[in-house]
Amino acid sequence: MRIYTKKGDKGTTSLFGGQRLPKDALRIEAYGTIDELNSVTGVLIDSLDDQSVKKELLRVQHWLFDYGSILATPPGAKQYVKNPGQEAIEFLEKRIDEMEEELPPLRHFILPSGYMPTSQAHVSRCVCRRAERRIVSLMHEEEVEEEVVAFFNRLSDYFFVLSRFLTFKAGKQDVEWNPR
């Protein structure tokens, strides 16, 4: 089977089920940004030595595929895709709380730098926020389950706390923003 079909050569792509949309449609932008987030999260995973965090992020990657599939599926065919639901949100909240318990209090804004895995986690956070904005834009035009937005909102918080956690575990300090 060939990877190319030539069906998208005129600027359209298909949803699950065959419906064609322009490649710049909000739905395509939303799940395309989720795909980008999954890729940069893979780079984050590959920058880590901690096997437990890698395993945790692999779980996140699977959820990103699930949510991308939800957005790539027309409303009438949602029964064919897995929705991680509240379980994924609760997992992220639990992990955020656990990591924050180990961290010193945050007293200043911090810069997204200082340690390569930290910087990678911040890239994932930023792409996650963009995915969330694209999903919210889509919500203005079509029905999107609120828990989809909640997941991405929580996931960006998770990436922020993870960035601090990785810095802390490496014995490094957050790089504080110094307003001039």
C-alpha atoms as a PDB file:
ATOM      1  CA  MET A   1       0.000   0.000   0.000  1.00  0.00           C
ATOM      2  CA  ARG A   2       1.334   3.429  -0.919  1.00  0.00           C
ATOM      3  CA  ILE A   3       1.389   6.300   1.545  1.00  0.00           C
ATOM      4  CA  TYR A   4       0.275   8.760  -1.109  1.00  0.00           C
ATOM      5  CA  THR A   5      -3.206   8.686  -2.619  1.00  0.00           C
ATOM      6  CA  LYS A   6      -3.161  12.010  -4.513  1.00  0.00           C
ATOM      7  CA  LYS A   7      -6.664  12.697  -3.155  1.00  0.00           C
ATOM      8  CA  GLY A   8      -5.348  15.637  -1.136  1.00  0.00           C
ATOM      9  CA  ASP A   9      -3.529  17.299  -4.008  1.00  0.00           C
ATOM     10  CA  LYS A  10      -6.308  19.864  -4.401  1.00  0.00           C
ATOM     11  CA  GLY A  11      -6.298  20.946  -0.764  1.00  0.00           C
ATOM     12  CA  THR A  12      -8.809  18.595   0.834  1.00  0.00           C
ATOM     13  CA  THR A  13      -8.516  15.706   3.250  1.00  0.00           C
ATOM     14  CA  SER A  14     -10.973  13.170   4.578  1.00  0.00           C
ATOM     15  CA  LEU A  15     -12.406  12.542   8.002  1.00  0.00           C
ATOM     16  CA  PHE A  16     -13.002   9.070   9.370  1.00  0.00           C
ATOM     17  CA  GLY A  17     -15.883   7.838   7.249  1.00  0.00           C
ATOM     18  CA  GLY A  18     -14.813   9.603   4.065  1.00  0.00           C
ATOM     19  CA  GLN A  19     -16.260  13.127   4.385  1.00  0.00           C
ATOM     20  CA  ARG A  20     -13.884  15.583   2.648  1.00  0.00           C
ATOM     21  CA  LEU A  21     -12.907  18.928   4.175  1.00  0.00           C
ATOM     22  CA  PRO A  22     -10.469  21.680   3.206  1.00  0.00           C
ATOM     23  CA  LYS A  23      -7.077  21.079   4.801  1.00  0.00           C
ATOM     24  CA  ASP A  24      -7.323  24.433   6.578  1.00  0.00           C
ATOM     25  CA  ALA A  25     -10.730  23.717   8.166  1.00  0.00           C
ATOM     26  CA  LEU A  26     -10.806  24.281  11.935  1.00  0.00           C
ATOM     27  CA  ARG A  27     -11.399  20.591  12.600  1.00  0.00           C
ATOM     28  CA  ILE A  28      -8.296  19.687  10.571  1.00  0.00           C
ATOM     29  CA  GLU A  29      -6.292  22.468  12.269  1.00  0.00           C
ATOM     30  CA  ALA A  30      -7.349  21.141  15.678  1.00  0.00           C
ATOM     31  CA  TYR A  31      -6.402  17.515  15.162  1.00  0.00           C
ATOM     32  CA  GLY A  32      -3.331  18.515  13.148  1.00  0.00           C
ATOM     33  CA  THR A  33      -2.108  20.514  16.129  1.00  0.00           C
ATOM     34  CA  ILE A  34      -2.763  17.509  18.370  1.00  0.00           C
ATOM     35  CA  ASP A  35      -0.606  15.461  15.982  1.00  0.00           C
ATOM     36  CA  GLU A  36       2.125  18.099  16.261  1.00  0.00           C
ATOM     37  CA  LEU A  37       1.830  17.953  20.059  1.00  0.00           C
ATOM     38  CA  ASN A  38       2.211  14.186  19.928  1.00  0.00           C
ATOM     39  CA  SER A  39       5.399  14.572  17.882  1.00  0.00           C
ATOM     40  CA  VAL A  40       7.013  17.157  20.166  1.00  0.00           C
ATOM     41  CA  THR A  41       6.042  15.001  23.143  1.00  0.00           C
ATOM     42  CA  GLY A  42       7.937  12.164  21.458  1.00  0.00           C
ATOM     43  CA  VAL A  43      11.002  14.423  21.316  1.00  0.00           C
ATOM     44  CA  LEU A  44      10.517  15.121  25.036  1.00  0.00           C
ATOM     45  CA  ILE A  45      10.336  11.385  25.764  1.00  0.00           C
ATOM     46  CA  ASP A  46      13.526  10.788  23.800  1.00  0.00           C
ATOM     47  CA  SER A  47      15.340  13.468  25.836  1.00  0.00           C
ATOM     48  CA  LEU A  48      14.594  11.708  29.147  1.00  0.00           C
ATOM     49  CA  ASP A  49      16.349   8.996  31.138  1.00  0.00           C
ATOM     50  CA  ASP A  50      13.617   8.571  33.788  1.00  0.00           C
ATOM     51  CA  GLN A  51      11.704   5.458  32.710  1.00  0.00           C
ATOM     52  CA  SER A  52       8.644   6.189  34.854  1.00  0.00           C
ATOM     53  CA  VAL A  53       8.184   9.646  33.301  1.00  0.00           C
ATOM     54  CA  LYS A  54       8.765   8.178  29.836  1.00  0.00           C
ATOM     55  CA  LYS A  55       6.066   5.565  30.511  1.00  0.00           C
ATOM     56  CA  GLU A  56       3.702   8.273  31.762  1.00  0.00           C
ATOM     57  CA  LEU A  57       4.294  10.393  28.645  1.00  0.00           C
ATOM     58  CA  LEU A  58       3.742   7.370  26.418  1.00  0.00           C
ATOM     59  CA  ARG A  59       0.309   7.075  28.046  1.00  0.00           C
ATOM     60  CA  VAL A  60      -0.280  10.749  27.220  1.00  0.00           C
ATOM     61  CA  GLN A  61       0.707  10.068  23.602  1.00  0.00           C
ATOM     62  CA  HIS A  62      -1.930   7.342  23.371  1.00  0.00           C
ATOM     63  CA  TRP A  63      -4.541   9.760  24.730  1.00  0.00           C
ATOM     64  CA  LEU A  64      -3.454  12.337  22.160  1.00  0.00           C
ATOM     65  CA  PHE A  65      -4.128   9.785  19.425  1.00  0.00           C
ATOM     66  CA  ASP A  66      -7.526   9.090  20.992  1.00  0.00           C
ATOM     67  CA  TYR A  67      -8.446  12.783  21.068  1.00  0.00           C
ATOM     68  CA  GLY A  68      -7.120  13.321  17.546  1.00  0.00           C
ATOM     69  CA  SER A  69      -9.345  10.440  16.430  1.00  0.00           C
ATOM     70  CA  ILE A  70     -12.335  12.017  18.168  1.00  0.00           C
ATOM     71  CA  LEU A  71     -11.804  15.245  16.237  1.00  0.00           C
ATOM     72  CA  ALA A  72     -11.159  13.369  12.970  1.00  0.00           C
ATOM     73  CA  THR A  73     -14.521  11.635  13.292  1.00  0.00           C
ATOM     74  CA  PRO A  74     -17.786  13.266  12.214  1.00  0.00           C
ATOM     75  CA  PRO A  75     -20.326  13.712  15.048  1.00  0.00           C
ATOM     76  CA  GLY A  76     -22.528  10.856  13.801  1.00  0.00           C
ATOM     77  CA  ALA A  77     -19.751   8.260  14.009  1.00  0.00           C
ATOM     78  CA  LYS A  78     -18.331   8.901  17.497  1.00  0.00           C
ATOM     79  CA  GLN A  79     -19.257   5.397  18.656  1.00  0.00           C
ATOM     80  CA  TYR A  80     -16.307   4.101  16.621  1.00  0.00           C
ATOM     81  CA  VAL A  81     -13.613   5.983  18.556  1.00  0.00           C
ATOM     82  CA  LYS A  82     -12.314   5.646  22.114  1.00  0.00           C
ATOM     83  CA  ASN A  83     -12.858   8.610  24.407  1.00  0.00           C
ATOM     84  CA  PRO A  84     -10.436   8.586  27.369  1.00  0.00           C
ATOM     85  CA  GLY A  85     -12.951  10.711  29.264  1.00  0.00           C
ATOM     86  CA  GLN A  86     -12.657  11.733  32.865  1.00  0.00           C
ATOM     87  CA  GLU A  87     -10.077   9.011  33.606  1.00  0.00           C
ATOM     88  CA  ALA A  88      -7.398  10.876  31.639  1.00  0.00           C
ATOM     89  CA  ILE A  89      -8.214  14.219  33.276  1.00  0.00           C
ATOM     90  CA  GLU A  90      -8.147  12.691  36.753  1.00  0.00           C
ATOM     91  CA  PHE A  91      -4.816  10.994  36.032  1.00  0.00           C
ATOM     92  CA  LEU A  92      -3.287  14.321  34.995  1.00  0.00           C
ATOM     93  CA  GLU A  93      -4.668  16.075  38.078  1.00  0.00           C
ATOM     94  CA  LYS A  94      -3.265  13.346  40.332  1.00  0.00           C
ATOM     95  CA  ARG A  95       0.168  13.571  38.725  1.00  0.00           C
ATOM     96  CA  ILE A  96       0.181  17.381  38.898  1.00  0.00           C
ATOM     97  CA  ASP A  97      -0.613  17.202  42.616  1.00  0.00           C
ATOM     98  CA  GLU A  98       2.044  14.528  43.245  1.00  0.00           C
ATOM     99  CA  MET A  99       4.766  16.454  41.431  1.00  0.00           C
ATOM    100  CA  GLU A 100       3.835  19.765  43.070  1.00  0.00           C
ATOM    101  CA  GLU A 101       4.178  18.168  46.520  1.00  0.00           C
ATOM    102  CA  GLU A 102       7.882  17.634  45.809  1.00  0.00           C
ATOM    103  CA  LEU A 103       8.563  21.068  44.325  1.00  0.00           C
ATOM    104  CA  PRO A 104       9.537  24.265  46.088  1.00  0.00           C
ATOM    105  CA  PRO A 105       6.822  26.933  45.895  1.00  0.00           C
ATOM    106  CA  LEU A 106       6.741  28.977  42.707  1.00  0.00           C
ATOM    107  CA  ARG A 107       7.431  32.600  43.662  1.00  0.00           C
ATOM    108  CA  HIS A 108       8.401  34.085  40.283  1.00  0.00           C
ATOM    109  CA  PHE A 109       7.611  33.661  36.625  1.00  0.00           C
ATOM    110  CA  ILE A 110      10.075  31.248  35.074  1.00  0.00           C
ATOM    111  CA  LEU A 111      11.677  31.111  31.651  1.00  0.00           C
ATOM    112  CA  PRO A 112      11.353  27.998  29.499  1.00  0.00           C
ATOM    113  CA  SER A 113      15.045  27.115  29.608  1.00  0.00           C
ATOM    114  CA  GLY A 114      17.901  25.834  31.738  1.00  0.00           C
ATOM    115  CA  TYR A 115      17.815  22.104  31.006  1.00  0.00           C
ATOM    116  CA  MET A 116      17.002  20.392  27.705  1.00  0.00           C
ATOM    117  CA  PRO A 117      14.147  18.154  28.960  1.00  0.00           C
ATOM    118  CA  THR A 118      12.660  21.184  30.749  1.00  0.00           C
ATOM    119  CA  SER A 119      12.756  23.200  27.540  1.00  0.00           C
ATOM    120  CA  GLN A 120      11.174  20.297  25.640  1.00  0.00           C
ATOM    121  CA  ALA A 121       8.368  20.087  28.221  1.00  0.00           C
ATOM    122  CA  HIS A 122       7.736  23.804  27.704  1.00  0.00           C
ATOM    123  CA  VAL A 123       7.538  23.292  23.925  1.00  0.00           C
ATOM    124  CA  SER A 124       4.929  20.585  24.545  1.00  0.00           C
ATOM    125  CA  ARG A 125       3.065  22.972  26.871  1.00  0.00           C
ATOM    126  CA  CYS A 126       2.987  25.713  24.236  1.00  0.00           C
ATOM    127  CA  VAL A 127       1.837  23.401  21.439  1.00  0.00           C
ATOM    128  CA  CYS A 128      -0.776  22.004  23.833  1.00  0.00           C
ATOM    129  CA  ARG A 129      -2.111  25.526  24.480  1.00  0.00           C
ATOM    130  CA  ARG A 130      -2.323  26.096  20.725  1.00  0.00           C
ATOM    131  CA  ALA A 131      -4.223  22.821  20.306  1.00  0.00           C
ATOM    132  CA  GLU A 132      -6.594  23.950  23.044  1.00  0.00           C
ATOM    133  CA  ARG A 133      -7.171  27.290  21.267  1.00  0.00           C
ATOM    134  CA  ARG A 134      -7.887  25.490  17.974  1.00  0.00           C
ATOM    135  CA  ILE A 135     -10.364  23.184  19.725  1.00  0.00           C
ATOM    136  CA  VAL A 136     -12.106  26.155  21.367  1.00  0.00           C
ATOM    137  CA  SER A 137     -12.367  27.836  17.951  1.00  0.00           C
ATOM    138  CA  LEU A 138     -13.904  24.635  16.589  1.00  0.00           C
ATOM    139  CA  MET A 139     -16.391  24.628  19.498  1.00  0.00           C
ATOM    140  CA  HIS A 140     -17.747  27.951  18.228  1.00  0.00           C
ATOM    141  CA  GLU A 141     -18.731  26.264  14.960  1.00  0.00           C
ATOM    142  CA  GLU A 142     -19.465  22.653  15.889  1.00  0.00           C
ATOM    143  CA  GLU A 143     -20.260  20.531  18.895  1.00  0.00           C
ATOM    144  CA  VAL A 144     -17.157  19.396  20.769  1.00  0.00           C
ATOM    145  CA  GLU A 145     -17.386  17.602  24.099  1.00  0.00           C
ATOM    146  CA  GLU A 146     -16.362  19.899  26.963  1.00  0.00           C
ATOM    147  CA  GLU A 147     -14.096  17.235  28.416  1.00  0.00           C
ATOM    148  CA  VAL A 148     -11.940  17.456  25.276  1.00  0.00           C
ATOM    149  CA  VAL A 149     -11.138  21.082  26.109  1.00  0.00           C
ATOM    150  CA  ALA A 150     -10.750  20.197  29.798  1.00  0.00           C
ATOM    151  CA  PHE A 151      -8.203  17.504  28.912  1.00  0.00           C
ATOM    152  CA  PHE A 152      -6.016  19.898  26.926  1.00  0.00           C
ATOM    153  CA  ASN A 153      -6.325  22.589  29.578  1.00  0.00           C
ATOM    154  CA  ARG A 154      -5.167  20.118  32.223  1.00  0.00           C
ATOM    155  CA  LEU A 155      -2.483  18.673  29.963  1.00  0.00           C
ATOM    156  CA  SER A 156      -0.847  22.072  29.485  1.00  0.00           C
ATOM    157  CA  ASP A 157      -0.812  22.491  33.279  1.00  0.00           C
ATOM    158  CA  TYR A 158       0.747  19.028  33.523  1.00  0.00           C
ATOM    159  CA  PHE A 159       3.512  19.979  31.065  1.00  0.00           C
ATOM    160  CA  PHE A 160       4.244  23.149  33.058  1.00  0.00           C
ATOM    161  CA  VAL A 161       4.540  21.265  36.343  1.00  0.00           C
ATOM    162  CA  LEU A 162       6.490  18.487  34.610  1.00  0.00           C
ATOM    163  CA  SER A 163       8.996  21.064  33.339  1.00  0.00           C
ATOM    164  CA  ARG A 164       9.617  22.242  36.903  1.00  0.00           C
ATOM    165  CA  PHE A 165       9.706  18.654  38.171  1.00  0.00           C
ATOM    166  CA  LEU A 166      12.337  17.652  35.598  1.00  0.00           C
ATOM    167  CA  THR A 167      14.456  20.667  36.544  1.00  0.00           C
ATOM    168  CA  PHE A 168      14.150  19.831  40.238  1.00  0.00           C
ATOM    169  CA  LYS A 169      14.940  16.121  39.790  1.00  0.00           C
ATOM    170  CA  ALA A 170      18.052  17.033  37.773  1.00  0.00           C
ATOM    171  CA  GLY A 171      19.277  19.135  40.705  1.00  0.00           C
ATOM    172  CA  LYS A 172      18.918  22.361  38.753  1.00  0.00           C
ATOM    173  CA  GLN A 173      17.092  25.607  39.459  1.00  0.00           C
ATOM    174  CA  ASP A 174      14.180  27.170  37.580  1.00  0.00           C
ATOM    175  CA  VAL A 175      15.398  30.087  35.456  1.00  0.00           C
ATOM    176  CA  GLU A 176      13.502  33.036  36.884  1.00  0.00           C
ATOM    177  CA  TRP A 177      12.214  35.861  34.736  1.00  0.00           C
ATOM    178  CA  ASN A 178      13.884  39.088  35.747  1.00  0.00           C
ATOM    179  CA  PRO A 179      11.676  42.041  34.754  1.00  0.00           C
ATOM    180  CA  ARG A 180      13.678  45.081  33.738  1.00  0.00           C
END
